[in-house]
Amino acid sequence: MYCGGRTYFAPEHLALVQMWRSMWVELMTAAPMTREQVVTIVELRFPGDSFEQMVRLAQAAARRLQQVLDDAIENGRMVW
């Protein structure tokens, strides 16, 4: 029976999650009533296209991490 596993996160993933959580907490705390209020809070955490940039960085990190794991498996190492 399989009952284990591991989740790998690159620093880029963790930074994105931390920023998203921070924004979410601020949205829940401020309880904005209008779209403009929501946009203001989102823009404070993710100005301009910073969200898209962080997502691209996290995706690139995921590809690099996947390659490391694929290489380890190919060389007979257990990754979980």
Protein backbone atom coordinates (compact mmCIF):
# COMPACT_ATOMS: atom_id res chain seq x y z
CA MET A 1 0.00 0.00 0.00
CA TYR A 2 1.27 3.46 -0.89
CA CYS A 3 0.87 5.95 1.92
CA GLY A 4 3.53 8.53 1.46
CA GLY A 5 4.60 11.30 -0.77
CA ARG A 6 6.35 14.59 -0.86
CA THR A 7 5.50 17.98 -2.23
CA TYR A 8 8.29 20.10 -3.61
CA PHE A 9 8.05 23.88 -3.66
CA ALA A 10 10.58 26.20 -5.23
CA PRO A 11 11.23 29.54 -3.52
CA GLU A 12 9.33 31.19 -6.38
CA HIS A 13 6.23 29.16 -5.52
CA LEU A 14 6.46 30.04 -1.86
CA ALA A 15 6.89 33.76 -2.62
CA LEU A 16 3.80 33.72 -4.83
CA VAL A 17 1.73 31.85 -2.23
CA GLN A 18 2.88 34.18 0.54
CA MET A 19 1.99 37.28 -1.46
CA TRP A 20 -1.39 35.80 -2.45
CA ARG A 21 -2.22 34.90 1.17
CA SER A 22 -1.22 38.36 2.32
CA MET A 23 -3.51 39.90 -0.27
CA TRP A 24 -6.35 37.55 0.66
CA VAL A 25 -6.04 38.37 4.37
CA GLU A 26 -6.08 42.07 3.57
CA LEU A 27 -9.16 41.63 1.38
CA MET A 28 -10.97 39.70 4.12
CA THR A 29 -9.94 42.18 6.79
CA ALA A 30 -10.78 45.32 4.82
CA ALA A 31 -14.05 43.88 3.48
CA PRO A 32 -14.09 46.14 0.43
CA MET A 33 -17.54 47.13 -0.74
CA THR A 34 -16.76 48.21 -4.30
CA ARG A 35 -14.77 46.85 -7.22
CA GLU A 36 -12.46 49.87 -6.98
CA GLN A 37 -11.63 49.04 -3.36
CA VAL A 38 -10.79 45.46 -4.34
CA VAL A 39 -8.60 46.64 -7.23
CA THR A 40 -6.75 49.02 -4.90
CA ILE A 41 -5.86 46.19 -2.51
CA VAL A 42 -4.88 43.82 -5.33
CA GLU A 43 -2.70 46.52 -6.92
CA LEU A 44 -0.93 47.10 -3.59
CA ARG A 45 0.16 43.46 -3.48
CA PHE A 46 0.55 42.86 -7.21
CA PRO A 47 1.31 46.16 -8.94
CA GLY A 48 1.25 46.23 -12.73
CA ASP A 49 1.94 42.79 -14.15
CA SER A 50 3.86 41.52 -11.12
CA PHE A 51 1.36 38.69 -10.57
CA GLU A 52 1.90 37.41 -14.11
CA GLN A 53 5.67 37.78 -13.68
CA MET A 54 5.61 35.81 -10.43
CA VAL A 55 3.51 33.09 -12.06
CA ARG A 56 5.98 32.84 -14.96
CA LEU A 57 8.89 32.58 -12.51
CA ALA A 58 7.09 29.88 -10.53
CA GLN A 59 6.31 27.96 -13.73
CA ALA A 60 9.95 28.14 -14.83
CA ALA A 61 11.03 26.94 -11.39
CA ALA A 62 8.55 24.05 -11.65
CA ARG A 63 10.06 23.01 -14.98
CA ARG A 64 13.57 23.08 -13.50
CA LEU A 65 12.45 21.12 -10.45
CA GLN A 66 10.65 18.59 -12.65
CA GLN A 67 13.86 18.07 -14.62
CA VAL A 68 15.81 17.44 -11.41
CA LEU A 69 13.21 14.89 -10.32
CA ASP A 70 13.11 13.25 -13.76
CA ASP A 71 16.92 12.95 -13.72
CA ALA A 72 16.84 11.43 -10.24
CA ILE A 73 14.24 8.86 -11.31
CA GLU A 74 16.22 8.07 -14.45
CA ASN A 75 19.25 7.40 -12.26
CA GLY A 76 17.29 5.02 -10.05
CA ARG A 77 16.81 7.28 -7.06
CA MET A 78 13.55 7.40 -5.12
CA VAL A 79 12.07 10.85 -5.08
CA TRP A 80 9.29 10.22 -2.61
